[in-house]
Amino acid sequence: MKVSILQFPGTNCEYDTQHAFESLGATTEIIWHKSESIPSDTNLLVVAGGFSYGDYLRSGAIAKFSPVMKAVTEYANNGGKVLGICNGFQVLTEAGLLPGALKRNDGLHFISKYHHLKVENNDNIFLEELNNGDVVNIPIAHHDGNYYINESGLQDLKDNNQILLTYSDKQGNTLNPNGSVNAIAGVCNKEKNVFGLMPHPERAMEMILGSNDGVNMLKGFLQS
C-alpha cells in the first residue's frame, strides 16, 4: 500500500505519520505543497498535522490555496481516500472537503495531553478494526480544535453516520476538552472516503509512548 503525505511550510507531523504507516507495512512518500499532482500509485493521501503557514489567518485557511490542493480535491472527488489529522483536519474543512469548521478552544489555551475518544461509527474503512462504543486513548495537541457545525449540518452528520469519534473519559462518558459541538473529535464526508480528526493516532503507535491505540485506527486503511 502506498501512503502519500502532504507537507506544507509549518507541518511538523509528517515524519511521525510516515513512521506510523511504515511500521504497519506501507510504503510512503512526502509530497511538498507546491506539487501540482498526487502520485498515481497513491492508495491513501494524508494531510498531516502541524501549523501550516504558522496558523496565520485561520488554521488551514492559507494551506487550502496551495497548488497541491487542487489535486487533493480532484483525488477526493474521484473516490480517493484522504485522512486529515489535526491541522490536516482544519485544512480539509477550509477546503470544503469536510463539513464544519474548527475554531479556538473554549478555554483559549493550547491543549496537549492524552485524551480518551469513543468510537461512534465504525462503518467506514478508517475505524473498521474497532467496535462502536470502544474507547481509545489518543494524544491531542491543538489550540483551534473546537469543532463547530450548525444544527442542520449536525443533523446531517447524525443521519449519515458521519460522526466518527467523540471526546470521552475512560468509561466512554462525554468529556469535552475544547468545546466542540456534541464533543465531536472526528468526522467523515457522506461518501466516507475523506476523514478528519483532531487527535493524533500517529503518536499512539507504541506503548513506550503511552498508548498503541492508534494502531487499530490506522490499520483499517491498510486492509481496504
N, C-alpha and C. Protein backbone atom coordinates (compact mmCIF):
# COMPACT_ATOMS: atom_id res chain seq x y z
N MET A 1 0.84 -1.19 0.00
CA MET A 1 0.00 0.00 0.00
C MET A 1 0.87 1.24 0.00
N LYS A 2 0.47 2.24 -0.78
CA LYS A 2 1.23 3.48 -0.88
C LYS A 2 0.46 4.62 -0.17
N VAL A 3 1.14 5.26 0.78
CA VAL A 3 0.58 6.39 1.50
C VAL A 3 1.38 7.64 1.14
N SER A 4 0.70 8.62 0.58
CA SER A 4 1.34 9.90 0.26
C SER A 4 0.96 10.90 1.35
N ILE A 5 1.94 11.67 1.83
CA ILE A 5 1.75 12.55 2.98
C ILE A 5 2.09 13.98 2.58
N LEU A 6 1.12 14.89 2.72
CA LEU A 6 1.35 16.28 2.34
C LEU A 6 2.21 17.01 3.35
N GLN A 7 3.02 17.92 2.83
CA GLN A 7 3.91 18.73 3.67
C GLN A 7 3.78 20.20 3.24
N PHE A 8 3.31 21.03 4.18
CA PHE A 8 3.23 22.47 3.98
C PHE A 8 4.32 23.14 4.81
N PRO A 9 4.64 24.41 4.53
CA PRO A 9 5.51 25.15 5.45
C PRO A 9 4.85 25.17 6.84
N GLY A 10 5.52 24.68 7.84
CA GLY A 10 4.96 24.63 9.18
C GLY A 10 4.44 23.27 9.60
N THR A 11 4.28 22.34 8.65
CA THR A 11 3.89 20.98 9.01
C THR A 11 4.96 20.39 9.93
N ASN A 12 4.53 19.71 11.00
CA ASN A 12 5.54 19.13 11.90
C ASN A 12 5.24 17.68 12.29
N CYS A 13 4.26 17.06 11.65
CA CYS A 13 3.93 15.67 11.98
C CYS A 13 4.07 14.74 10.78
N GLU A 14 4.67 15.23 9.69
CA GLU A 14 4.75 14.39 8.50
C GLU A 14 5.63 13.16 8.72
N TYR A 15 6.71 13.33 9.49
CA TYR A 15 7.61 12.20 9.70
C TYR A 15 7.07 11.23 10.76
N ASP A 16 6.32 11.74 11.72
CA ASP A 16 5.61 10.86 12.66
C ASP A 16 4.61 10.00 11.89
N THR A 17 3.90 10.65 10.98
CA THR A 17 2.90 9.94 10.18
C THR A 17 3.56 8.92 9.27
N GLN A 18 4.68 9.31 8.68
CA GLN A 18 5.43 8.39 7.82
C GLN A 18 5.87 7.16 8.62
N HIS A 19 6.44 7.39 9.80
CA HIS A 19 6.89 6.28 10.65
C HIS A 19 5.72 5.37 11.03
N ALA A 20 4.57 5.98 11.35
CA ALA A 20 3.41 5.19 11.77
C ALA A 20 2.96 4.24 10.67
N PHE A 21 2.82 4.74 9.45
CA PHE A 21 2.34 3.89 8.37
C PHE A 21 3.40 2.89 7.91
N GLU A 22 4.67 3.28 7.94
CA GLU A 22 5.71 2.33 7.58
C GLU A 22 5.80 1.20 8.60
N SER A 23 5.53 1.51 9.87
CA SER A 23 5.55 0.46 10.89
C SER A 23 4.43 -0.56 10.68
N LEU A 24 3.40 -0.15 9.90
CA LEU A 24 2.30 -1.05 9.59
C LEU A 24 2.51 -1.76 8.25
N GLY A 25 3.64 -1.49 7.59
CA GLY A 25 3.98 -2.17 6.36
C GLY A 25 3.72 -1.40 5.08
N ALA A 26 3.29 -0.15 5.18
CA ALA A 26 3.01 0.66 3.99
C ALA A 26 4.30 1.29 3.46
N THR A 27 4.30 1.62 2.19
CA THR A 27 5.34 2.47 1.64
C THR A 27 4.81 3.90 1.65
N THR A 28 5.70 4.88 1.78
CA THR A 28 5.25 6.26 1.94
C THR A 28 6.06 7.21 1.07
N GLU A 29 5.48 8.38 0.85
CA GLU A 29 6.16 9.45 0.13
C GLU A 29 5.67 10.79 0.66
N ILE A 30 6.62 11.68 0.93
CA ILE A 30 6.28 13.03 1.37
C ILE A 30 6.09 13.91 0.13
N ILE A 31 4.96 14.63 0.07
CA ILE A 31 4.62 15.46 -1.08
C ILE A 31 4.65 16.92 -0.68
N TRP A 32 5.52 17.70 -1.28
CA TRP A 32 5.64 19.13 -0.99
C TRP A 32 4.42 19.88 -1.52
N HIS A 33 4.01 20.92 -0.84
CA HIS A 33 2.75 21.60 -1.14
C HIS A 33 2.73 22.28 -2.50
N LYS A 34 3.89 22.49 -3.12
CA LYS A 34 3.92 23.12 -4.44
C LYS A 34 3.73 22.12 -5.58
N SER A 35 3.68 20.85 -5.24
CA SER A 35 3.40 19.84 -6.27
C SER A 35 1.99 20.06 -6.81
N GLU A 36 1.83 19.87 -8.11
CA GLU A 36 0.51 20.05 -8.72
C GLU A 36 -0.17 18.72 -9.02
N SER A 37 0.38 17.65 -8.48
CA SER A 37 -0.22 16.34 -8.70
C SER A 37 0.03 15.43 -7.51
N ILE A 38 -0.76 14.39 -7.44
CA ILE A 38 -0.62 13.34 -6.44
C ILE A 38 -0.06 12.10 -7.13
N PRO A 39 0.93 11.41 -6.56
CA PRO A 39 1.46 10.21 -7.21
C PRO A 39 0.35 9.25 -7.62
N SER A 40 0.43 8.74 -8.82
CA SER A 40 -0.65 7.92 -9.39
C SER A 40 -0.87 6.62 -8.64
N ASP A 41 0.16 6.16 -7.90
CA ASP A 41 0.01 4.89 -7.18
C ASP A 41 -0.45 5.09 -5.73
N THR A 42 -0.93 6.29 -5.40
CA THR A 42 -1.37 6.59 -4.04
C THR A 42 -2.64 5.83 -3.69
N ASN A 43 -2.60 5.11 -2.56
CA ASN A 43 -3.80 4.45 -2.04
C ASN A 43 -4.46 5.24 -0.93
N LEU A 44 -3.67 6.05 -0.23
CA LEU A 44 -4.18 6.91 0.84
C LEU A 44 -3.37 8.20 0.84
N LEU A 45 -4.07 9.31 0.90
CA LEU A 45 -3.43 10.62 0.98
C LEU A 45 -3.67 11.18 2.38
N VAL A 46 -2.60 11.54 3.07
CA VAL A 46 -2.71 12.06 4.44
C VAL A 46 -2.29 13.52 4.47
N VAL A 47 -3.15 14.35 5.03
CA VAL A 47 -2.80 15.75 5.30
C VAL A 47 -2.37 15.77 6.77
N ALA A 48 -1.07 15.87 6.98
CA ALA A 48 -0.51 15.69 8.32
C ALA A 48 -0.74 16.92 9.20
N GLY A 49 -0.49 16.72 10.49
CA GLY A 49 -0.68 17.78 11.47
C GLY A 49 0.49 18.75 11.51
N GLY A 50 0.28 19.82 12.25
CA GLY A 50 1.31 20.84 12.41
C GLY A 50 0.71 22.22 12.43
N PHE A 51 1.43 23.18 11.90
CA PHE A 51 0.97 24.56 11.90
C PHE A 51 1.21 25.14 10.51
N SER A 52 0.45 24.65 9.53
CA SER A 52 0.68 25.10 8.15
C SER A 52 0.62 26.62 8.07
N TYR A 53 1.66 27.19 7.48
CA TYR A 53 1.79 28.65 7.33
C TYR A 53 1.69 29.36 8.68
N GLY A 54 2.17 28.69 9.73
CA GLY A 54 2.20 29.29 11.06
C GLY A 54 0.83 29.50 11.67
N ASP A 55 -0.21 28.90 11.08
CA ASP A 55 -1.60 29.10 11.54
C ASP A 55 -2.00 30.57 11.50
N TYR A 56 -1.38 31.33 10.60
CA TYR A 56 -1.81 32.73 10.43
C TYR A 56 -3.18 32.75 9.77
N LEU A 57 -3.91 33.83 9.94
CA LEU A 57 -5.29 33.98 9.48
C LEU A 57 -6.17 33.03 10.27
N ARG A 58 -6.49 31.88 9.73
CA ARG A 58 -7.17 30.80 10.46
C ARG A 58 -6.39 29.53 10.16
N SER A 59 -6.43 28.61 11.10
CA SER A 59 -5.69 27.35 10.91
C SER A 59 -6.18 26.64 9.65
N GLY A 60 -5.27 26.42 8.71
CA GLY A 60 -5.60 25.73 7.49
C GLY A 60 -6.13 26.61 6.39
N ALA A 61 -6.43 27.88 6.70
CA ALA A 61 -7.07 28.76 5.72
C ALA A 61 -6.14 29.16 4.58
N ILE A 62 -4.85 29.27 4.86
CA ILE A 62 -3.90 29.61 3.81
C ILE A 62 -3.50 28.36 3.02
N ALA A 63 -3.36 27.25 3.73
CA ALA A 63 -2.95 26.00 3.07
C ALA A 63 -3.92 25.58 1.97
N LYS A 64 -5.18 25.93 2.10
CA LYS A 64 -6.15 25.49 1.09
C LYS A 64 -5.86 26.11 -0.28
N PHE A 65 -5.04 27.19 -0.31
CA PHE A 65 -4.70 27.83 -1.58
C PHE A 65 -3.41 27.29 -2.18
N SER A 66 -2.74 26.36 -1.50
CA SER A 66 -1.51 25.78 -2.03
C SER A 66 -1.78 25.04 -3.33
N PRO A 67 -0.80 25.03 -4.26
CA PRO A 67 -1.00 24.36 -5.55
C PRO A 67 -1.49 22.93 -5.44
N VAL A 68 -1.01 22.19 -4.44
CA VAL A 68 -1.35 20.78 -4.34
C VAL A 68 -2.82 20.54 -4.03
N MET A 69 -3.51 21.53 -3.46
CA MET A 69 -4.87 21.30 -3.00
C MET A 69 -5.86 21.07 -4.14
N LYS A 70 -5.56 21.60 -5.32
CA LYS A 70 -6.43 21.30 -6.47
C LYS A 70 -6.39 19.81 -6.78
N ALA A 71 -5.18 19.25 -6.73
CA ALA A 71 -5.02 17.82 -6.97
C ALA A 71 -5.66 17.01 -5.85
N VAL A 72 -5.57 17.50 -4.61
CA VAL A 72 -6.19 16.81 -3.48
C VAL A 72 -7.71 16.74 -3.68
N THR A 73 -8.29 17.86 -4.09
CA THR A 73 -9.73 17.91 -4.30
C THR A 73 -10.15 16.96 -5.41
N GLU A 74 -9.40 16.93 -6.50
CA GLU A 74 -9.71 16.03 -7.60
C GLU A 74 -9.58 14.56 -7.16
N TYR A 75 -8.53 14.29 -6.40
CA TYR A 75 -8.30 12.93 -5.90
C TYR A 75 -9.47 12.49 -5.02
N ALA A 76 -9.90 13.36 -4.11
CA ALA A 76 -11.01 13.03 -3.21
C ALA A 76 -12.32 12.88 -3.98
N ASN A 77 -12.57 13.78 -4.91
CA ASN A 77 -13.82 13.74 -5.67
C ASN A 77 -13.91 12.52 -6.58
N ASN A 78 -12.75 11.93 -6.89
CA ASN A 78 -12.72 10.70 -7.69
C ASN A 78 -12.74 9.43 -6.83
N GLY A 79 -12.98 9.62 -5.53
CA GLY A 79 -13.10 8.47 -4.64
C GLY A 79 -11.85 8.09 -3.90
N GLY A 80 -10.76 8.85 -4.08
CA GLY A 80 -9.53 8.56 -3.36
C GLY A 80 -9.69 8.76 -1.87
N LYS A 81 -9.00 7.95 -1.09
CA LYS A 81 -9.10 8.03 0.37
C LYS A 81 -8.16 9.12 0.89
N VAL A 82 -8.71 9.99 1.76
CA VAL A 82 -7.96 11.11 2.32
C VAL A 82 -8.16 11.12 3.83
N LEU A 83 -7.07 11.32 4.57
CA LEU A 83 -7.13 11.43 6.03
C LEU A 83 -6.46 12.73 6.45
N GLY A 84 -7.18 13.57 7.19
CA GLY A 84 -6.61 14.79 7.73
C GLY A 84 -6.50 14.69 9.24
N ILE A 85 -5.30 14.91 9.76
CA ILE A 85 -5.04 14.79 11.19
C ILE A 85 -4.71 16.17 11.76
N CYS A 86 -5.45 16.62 12.76
CA CYS A 86 -5.24 17.89 13.46
C CYS A 86 -5.24 19.05 12.45
N ASN A 87 -4.10 19.68 12.18
CA ASN A 87 -4.08 20.75 11.19
C ASN A 87 -4.57 20.27 9.84
N GLY A 88 -4.35 19.01 9.54
CA GLY A 88 -4.86 18.43 8.30
C GLY A 88 -6.38 18.42 8.27
N PHE A 89 -7.00 18.17 9.41
CA PHE A 89 -8.46 18.24 9.55
C PHE A 89 -8.92 19.67 9.28
N GLN A 90 -8.20 20.64 9.84
CA GLN A 90 -8.53 22.05 9.62
C GLN A 90 -8.43 22.40 8.13
N VAL A 91 -7.38 21.92 7.47
CA VAL A 91 -7.20 22.19 6.04
C VAL A 91 -8.37 21.63 5.24
N LEU A 92 -8.79 20.41 5.56
CA LEU A 92 -9.87 19.77 4.80
C LEU A 92 -11.20 20.48 4.99
N THR A 93 -11.46 21.01 6.19
CA THR A 93 -12.69 21.78 6.38
C THR A 93 -12.62 23.11 5.64
N GLU A 94 -11.46 23.77 5.68
CA GLU A 94 -11.30 25.04 4.97
C GLU A 94 -11.44 24.85 3.46
N ALA A 95 -11.01 23.70 2.96
CA ALA A 95 -11.08 23.41 1.53
C ALA A 95 -12.46 22.91 1.10
N GLY A 96 -13.36 22.72 2.06
CA GLY A 96 -14.71 22.26 1.75
C GLY A 96 -14.82 20.78 1.50
N LEU A 97 -13.78 20.02 1.84
CA LEU A 97 -13.82 18.57 1.65
C LEU A 97 -14.45 17.85 2.83
N LEU A 98 -14.58 18.54 3.95
CA LEU A 98 -15.29 18.02 5.11
C LEU A 98 -16.20 19.12 5.65
N PRO A 99 -17.35 18.74 6.22
CA PRO A 99 -18.27 19.75 6.75
C PRO A 99 -17.79 20.33 8.07
N GLY A 100 -18.30 21.53 8.39
CA GLY A 100 -17.97 22.15 9.66
C GLY A 100 -16.73 23.01 9.61
N ALA A 101 -16.31 23.47 10.77
CA ALA A 101 -15.14 24.34 10.89
C ALA A 101 -14.50 24.12 12.25
N LEU A 102 -13.23 24.47 12.36
CA LEU A 102 -12.51 24.39 13.62
C LEU A 102 -12.19 25.80 14.10
N LYS A 103 -12.55 26.09 15.34
CA LYS A 103 -12.29 27.41 15.90
C LYS A 103 -11.51 27.29 17.21
N ARG A 104 -11.20 28.44 17.81
CA ARG A 104 -10.40 28.48 19.03
C ARG A 104 -11.03 27.66 20.15
N ASN A 105 -10.21 26.93 20.89
CA ASN A 105 -10.69 26.17 22.04
C ASN A 105 -11.45 27.07 23.00
N ASP A 106 -12.46 26.53 23.65
CA ASP A 106 -13.25 27.31 24.60
C ASP A 106 -12.39 27.98 25.66
N GLY A 107 -11.38 27.26 26.13
CA GLY A 107 -10.52 27.80 27.18
C GLY A 107 -9.46 28.76 26.68
N LEU A 108 -9.38 28.94 25.34
CA LEU A 108 -8.43 29.85 24.70
C LEU A 108 -6.98 29.47 24.93
N HIS A 109 -6.74 28.22 25.32
CA HIS A 109 -5.38 27.76 25.57
C HIS A 109 -5.06 26.57 24.67
N PHE A 110 -3.78 26.42 24.36
CA PHE A 110 -3.29 25.23 23.67
C PHE A 110 -3.41 24.04 24.61
N ILE A 111 -3.93 22.92 24.11
CA ILE A 111 -4.10 21.71 24.90
C ILE A 111 -3.18 20.63 24.35
N SER A 112 -2.39 20.02 25.21
CA SER A 112 -1.51 18.94 24.79
C SER A 112 -1.49 17.87 25.87
N LYS A 113 -2.16 16.75 25.60
CA LYS A 113 -2.25 15.67 26.58
C LYS A 113 -2.89 14.45 25.92
N TYR A 114 -2.84 13.32 26.60
CA TYR A 114 -3.63 12.18 26.17
C TYR A 114 -5.10 12.43 26.52
N HIS A 115 -5.99 11.97 25.66
CA HIS A 115 -7.42 12.12 25.94
C HIS A 115 -8.16 10.93 25.34
N HIS A 116 -9.15 10.44 26.04
CA HIS A 116 -9.91 9.30 25.54
C HIS A 116 -10.92 9.72 24.48
N LEU A 117 -11.17 8.80 23.55
CA LEU A 117 -12.13 9.01 22.47
C LEU A 117 -13.06 7.80 22.42
N LYS A 118 -14.32 8.06 22.13
CA LYS A 118 -15.29 6.98 21.97
C LYS A 118 -15.61 6.80 20.49
N VAL A 119 -15.58 5.56 20.02
CA VAL A 119 -15.92 5.26 18.64
C VAL A 119 -17.44 5.32 18.48
N GLU A 120 -17.90 6.23 17.62
CA GLU A 120 -19.34 6.40 17.41
C GLU A 120 -19.84 5.63 16.19
N ASN A 121 -19.04 5.56 15.15
CA ASN A 121 -19.44 4.86 13.93
C ASN A 121 -18.23 4.17 13.31
N ASN A 122 -18.31 2.87 13.15
CA ASN A 122 -17.20 2.11 12.58
C ASN A 122 -17.53 1.55 11.19
N ASP A 123 -18.64 2.04 10.59
CA ASP A 123 -19.00 1.54 9.26
C ASP A 123 -18.25 2.31 8.18
N ASN A 124 -16.93 2.30 8.32
CA ASN A 124 -16.04 3.01 7.40
C ASN A 124 -14.66 2.37 7.51
N ILE A 125 -13.84 2.58 6.48
CA ILE A 125 -12.54 1.90 6.46
C ILE A 125 -11.60 2.38 7.55
N PHE A 126 -11.78 3.62 7.99
CA PHE A 126 -10.89 4.18 8.99
C PHE A 126 -10.99 3.43 10.31
N LEU A 127 -12.21 3.15 10.75
CA LEU A 127 -12.41 2.58 12.09
C LEU A 127 -12.95 1.16 12.07
N GLU A 128 -12.86 0.48 10.94
CA GLU A 128 -13.46 -0.85 10.84
C GLU A 128 -12.76 -1.89 11.71
N GLU A 129 -11.56 -1.59 12.18
CA GLU A 129 -10.86 -2.52 13.07
C GLU A 129 -11.31 -2.36 14.52
N LEU A 130 -12.18 -1.39 14.78
CA LEU A 130 -12.70 -1.12 16.12
C LEU A 130 -14.20 -1.37 16.14
N ASN A 131 -14.77 -1.37 17.35
CA ASN A 131 -16.21 -1.56 17.51
C ASN A 131 -16.86 -0.28 18.00
N ASN A 132 -18.11 -0.07 17.63
CA ASN A 132 -18.84 1.06 18.17
C ASN A 132 -18.87 0.96 19.70
N GLY A 133 -18.58 2.06 20.34
CA GLY A 133 -18.53 2.08 21.80
C GLY A 133 -17.15 1.86 22.38
N ASP A 134 -16.19 1.41 21.56
CA ASP A 134 -14.82 1.25 22.04
C ASP A 134 -14.26 2.60 22.47
N VAL A 135 -13.40 2.58 23.47
CA VAL A 135 -12.73 3.79 23.95
C VAL A 135 -11.23 3.64 23.71
N VAL A 136 -10.63 4.62 23.07
CA VAL A 136 -9.20 4.61 22.81
C VAL A 136 -8.56 5.82 23.45
N ASN A 137 -7.27 5.71 23.73
CA ASN A 137 -6.53 6.78 24.40
C ASN A 137 -5.51 7.35 23.42
N ILE A 138 -5.77 8.58 22.94
CA ILE A 138 -5.01 9.17 21.84
C ILE A 138 -4.58 10.59 22.22
N PRO A 139 -3.35 11.00 21.91
CA PRO A 139 -2.93 12.37 22.24
C PRO A 139 -3.70 13.42 21.45
N ILE A 140 -3.95 14.55 22.10
CA ILE A 140 -4.45 15.74 21.42
C ILE A 140 -3.43 16.85 21.62
N ALA A 141 -3.32 17.74 20.63
CA ALA A 141 -2.39 18.86 20.71
C ALA A 141 -2.90 19.95 19.78
N HIS A 142 -3.72 20.85 20.30
CA HIS A 142 -4.31 21.87 19.44
C HIS A 142 -4.73 23.11 20.22
N HIS A 143 -4.77 24.20 19.50
CA HIS A 143 -5.25 25.48 20.02
C HIS A 143 -6.61 25.82 19.41
N ASP A 144 -6.83 25.29 18.19
CA ASP A 144 -8.05 25.57 17.45
C ASP A 144 -8.73 24.26 17.08
N GLY A 145 -9.14 23.51 18.09
CA GLY A 145 -9.73 22.20 17.88
C GLY A 145 -11.22 22.13 18.18
N ASN A 146 -11.83 23.28 18.40
CA ASN A 146 -13.23 23.38 18.77
C ASN A 146 -14.09 23.22 17.51
N TYR A 147 -14.61 22.02 17.29
CA TYR A 147 -15.36 21.73 16.07
C TYR A 147 -16.74 22.37 16.14
N TYR A 148 -17.07 23.11 15.07
CA TYR A 148 -18.38 23.77 15.01
C TYR A 148 -19.11 23.39 13.73
N ILE A 149 -20.41 23.17 13.86
CA ILE A 149 -21.29 22.98 12.72
C ILE A 149 -22.69 23.40 13.16
N ASN A 150 -23.48 23.96 12.25
CA ASN A 150 -24.81 24.42 12.64
C ASN A 150 -25.75 23.24 12.86
N GLU A 151 -26.96 23.54 13.33
CA GLU A 151 -27.88 22.47 13.73
C GLU A 151 -28.27 21.56 12.56
N SER A 152 -28.53 22.16 11.40
CA SER A 152 -28.92 21.33 10.26
C SER A 152 -27.75 20.47 9.80
N GLY A 153 -26.55 21.04 9.83
CA GLY A 153 -25.37 20.26 9.47
C GLY A 153 -25.12 19.13 10.45
N LEU A 154 -25.33 19.40 11.73
CA LEU A 154 -25.16 18.37 12.76
C LEU A 154 -26.15 17.23 12.54
N GLN A 155 -27.38 17.58 12.18
CA GLN A 155 -28.37 16.54 11.93
C GLN A 155 -27.98 15.68 10.73
N ASP A 156 -27.40 16.32 9.71
CA ASP A 156 -26.92 15.57 8.55
C ASP A 156 -25.83 14.58 8.96
N LEU A 157 -24.91 15.05 9.81
CA LEU A 157 -23.84 14.16 10.29
C LEU A 157 -24.43 12.95 11.00
N LYS A 158 -25.43 13.19 11.82
CA LYS A 158 -26.05 12.09 12.56
C LYS A 158 -26.79 11.14 11.61
N ASP A 159 -27.54 11.71 10.68
CA ASP A 159 -28.34 10.90 9.76
C ASP A 159 -27.48 10.01 8.87
N ASN A 160 -26.29 10.49 8.53
CA ASN A 160 -25.42 9.77 7.60
C ASN A 160 -24.27 9.03 8.30
N ASN A 161 -24.35 8.93 9.63
CA ASN A 161 -23.29 8.25 10.39
C ASN A 161 -21.90 8.82 10.09
N GLN A 162 -21.83 10.15 10.01
CA GLN A 162 -20.56 10.81 9.72
C GLN A 162 -19.78 11.21 10.96
N ILE A 163 -20.38 11.12 12.12
CA ILE A 163 -19.64 11.40 13.36
C ILE A 163 -18.87 10.14 13.72
N LEU A 164 -17.57 10.21 13.66
CA LEU A 164 -16.72 9.04 13.86
C LEU A 164 -16.30 8.85 15.30
N LEU A 165 -15.87 9.96 15.93
CA LEU A 165 -15.27 9.90 17.26
C LEU A 165 -15.76 11.07 18.09
N THR A 166 -15.96 10.83 19.39
CA THR A 166 -16.27 11.91 20.32
C THR A 166 -15.30 11.84 21.50
N TYR A 167 -15.09 12.98 22.13
CA TYR A 167 -14.22 13.05 23.30
C TYR A 167 -14.95 12.45 24.50
N SER A 168 -14.24 11.65 25.28
CA SER A 168 -14.86 10.96 26.41
C SER A 168 -13.87 10.77 27.54
N ASP A 169 -14.37 10.21 28.63
CA ASP A 169 -13.48 9.74 29.69
C ASP A 169 -13.18 8.26 29.45
N LYS A 170 -12.49 7.64 30.37
CA LYS A 170 -12.06 6.25 30.20
C LYS A 170 -13.24 5.30 30.09
N GLN A 171 -14.37 5.68 30.68
CA GLN A 171 -15.56 4.83 30.66
C GLN A 171 -16.46 5.10 29.45
N GLY A 172 -16.11 6.09 28.63
CA GLY A 172 -16.92 6.40 27.47
C GLY A 172 -17.95 7.48 27.70
N ASN A 173 -17.93 8.08 28.88
CA ASN A 173 -18.82 9.20 29.15
C ASN A 173 -18.26 10.48 28.55
N THR A 174 -19.11 11.34 28.07
CA THR A 174 -18.66 12.57 27.41
C THR A 174 -17.76 13.40 28.31
N LEU A 175 -16.61 13.77 27.78
CA LEU A 175 -15.68 14.66 28.47
C LEU A 175 -15.05 15.54 27.40
N ASN A 176 -15.55 16.75 27.29
CA ASN A 176 -15.22 17.65 26.18
C ASN A 176 -14.09 18.60 26.56
N PRO A 177 -12.92 18.49 25.95
CA PRO A 177 -11.78 19.32 26.35
C PRO A 177 -11.72 20.70 25.70
N ASN A 178 -12.50 20.90 24.61
CA ASN A 178 -12.29 22.13 23.84
C ASN A 178 -13.57 22.86 23.43
N GLY A 179 -14.74 22.31 23.77
CA GLY A 179 -16.00 22.96 23.44
C GLY A 179 -16.63 22.50 22.15
N SER A 180 -16.08 21.50 21.49
CA SER A 180 -16.63 21.02 20.22
C SER A 180 -18.11 20.68 20.33
N VAL A 181 -18.87 21.02 19.30
CA VAL A 181 -20.28 20.67 19.24
C VAL A 181 -20.43 19.16 19.43
N ASN A 182 -21.29 18.77 20.37
CA ASN A 182 -21.53 17.35 20.66
C ASN A 182 -20.25 16.59 20.97
N ALA A 183 -19.22 17.30 21.43
CA ALA A 183 -17.93 16.69 21.78
C ALA A 183 -17.31 15.95 20.60
N ILE A 184 -17.56 16.41 19.38
CA ILE A 184 -17.07 15.74 18.18
C ILE A 184 -15.55 15.87 18.05
N ALA A 185 -14.89 14.74 17.84
CA ALA A 185 -13.43 14.72 17.66
C ALA A 185 -13.03 14.35 16.24
N GLY A 186 -13.95 13.74 15.48
CA GLY A 186 -13.63 13.33 14.11
C GLY A 186 -14.88 13.07 13.30
N VAL A 187 -14.82 13.39 12.01
CA VAL A 187 -15.96 13.20 11.11
C VAL A 187 -15.45 12.68 9.77
N CYS A 188 -16.38 12.30 8.91
CA CYS A 188 -16.06 11.94 7.53
C CYS A 188 -17.06 12.61 6.60
N ASN A 189 -16.82 12.54 5.32
CA ASN A 189 -17.79 13.07 4.35
C ASN A 189 -18.89 12.03 4.11
N LYS A 190 -19.92 12.40 3.37
CA LYS A 190 -21.05 11.49 3.14
C LYS A 190 -20.62 10.24 2.38
N GLU A 191 -19.64 10.40 1.49
CA GLU A 191 -19.18 9.27 0.69
C GLU A 191 -18.24 8.34 1.47
N LYS A 192 -17.79 8.79 2.62
CA LYS A 192 -16.93 8.02 3.52
C LYS A 192 -15.60 7.64 2.88
N ASN A 193 -15.04 8.60 2.16
CA ASN A 193 -13.67 8.41 1.67
C ASN A 193 -12.74 9.52 2.14
N VAL A 194 -13.29 10.56 2.79
CA VAL A 194 -12.50 11.65 3.35
C VAL A 194 -12.77 11.70 4.86
N PHE A 195 -11.69 11.65 5.63
CA PHE A 195 -11.80 11.55 7.08
C PHE A 195 -10.96 12.63 7.74
N GLY A 196 -11.44 13.14 8.88
CA GLY A 196 -10.67 14.13 9.62
C GLY A 196 -10.87 13.97 11.11
N LEU A 197 -9.80 14.16 11.87
CA LEU A 197 -9.88 14.13 13.33
C LEU A 197 -8.83 15.05 13.91
N MET A 198 -9.13 15.62 15.08
CA MET A 198 -8.16 16.48 15.75
C MET A 198 -7.09 15.68 16.51
N PRO A 199 -7.42 14.58 17.18
CA PRO A 199 -6.39 13.81 17.89
C PRO A 199 -5.36 13.20 16.92
N HIS A 200 -4.24 12.75 17.48
CA HIS A 200 -3.09 12.28 16.71
C HIS A 200 -2.88 10.77 16.87
N PRO A 201 -3.52 9.92 16.08
CA PRO A 201 -3.28 8.47 16.20
C PRO A 201 -1.85 8.08 15.86
N GLU A 202 -1.18 8.88 15.02
CA GLU A 202 0.20 8.55 14.64
C GLU A 202 1.16 8.68 15.81
N ARG A 203 0.72 9.33 16.89
CA ARG A 203 1.54 9.46 18.10
C ARG A 203 1.21 8.39 19.14
N ALA A 204 0.36 7.47 18.79
CA ALA A 204 -0.04 6.41 19.72
C ALA A 204 0.12 5.05 19.05
N MET A 205 1.34 4.79 18.59
CA MET A 205 1.62 3.55 17.86
C MET A 205 2.44 2.56 18.67
N GLU A 206 2.99 2.99 19.81
CA GLU A 206 3.86 2.13 20.61
C GLU A 206 3.60 2.40 22.09
N MET A 207 3.57 1.35 22.89
CA MET A 207 3.28 1.51 24.31
C MET A 207 4.33 2.36 25.02
N ILE A 208 5.55 2.38 24.49
CA ILE A 208 6.59 3.19 25.12
C ILE A 208 6.22 4.68 25.09
N LEU A 209 5.33 5.04 24.15
CA LEU A 209 4.86 6.43 24.06
C LEU A 209 3.63 6.68 24.91
N GLY A 210 3.09 5.64 25.53
CA GLY A 210 1.94 5.80 26.41
C GLY A 210 0.69 5.08 25.93
N SER A 211 0.61 4.75 24.65
CA SER A 211 -0.54 4.03 24.11
C SER A 211 -0.22 3.53 22.71
N ASN A 212 -0.79 2.39 22.36
CA ASN A 212 -0.70 1.91 20.97
C ASN A 212 -2.09 1.81 20.35
N ASP A 213 -3.02 2.58 20.88
CA ASP A 213 -4.39 2.56 20.37
C ASP A 213 -4.51 3.13 18.96
N GLY A 214 -3.49 3.84 18.51
CA GLY A 214 -3.52 4.37 17.16
C GLY A 214 -3.34 3.29 16.10
N VAL A 215 -2.79 2.15 16.48
CA VAL A 215 -2.51 1.09 15.52
C VAL A 215 -3.80 0.63 14.83
N ASN A 216 -4.80 0.27 15.61
CA ASN A 216 -6.04 -0.24 15.03
C ASN A 216 -6.84 0.85 14.32
N MET A 217 -6.56 2.11 14.65
CA MET A 217 -7.23 3.20 13.94
C MET A 217 -6.70 3.30 12.51
N LEU A 218 -5.38 3.19 12.36
CA LEU A 218 -4.77 3.36 11.04
C LEU A 218 -4.75 2.07 10.22
N LYS A 219 -4.83 0.92 10.88
CA LYS A 219 -4.78 -0.36 10.17
C LYS A 219 -5.94 -0.53 9.19
N GLY A 220 -7.07 0.11 9.50
CA GLY A 220 -8.22 -0.03 8.63
C GLY A 220 -7.93 0.36 7.20
N PHE A 221 -7.09 1.39 7.02
CA PHE A 221 -6.74 1.83 5.68
C PHE A 221 -5.92 0.79 4.93
N LEU A 222 -5.12 0.03 5.66
CA LEU A 222 -4.27 -0.96 5.04
C LEU A 222 -5.03 -2.22 4.66
N GLN A 223 -6.19 -2.43 5.30
CA GLN A 223 -6.96 -3.63 4.99
C GLN A 223 -7.86 -3.43 3.79
N SER A 224 -8.07 -2.16 3.39
CA SER A 224 -9.03 -1.88 2.32
C SER A 224 -8.42 -2.11 0.94
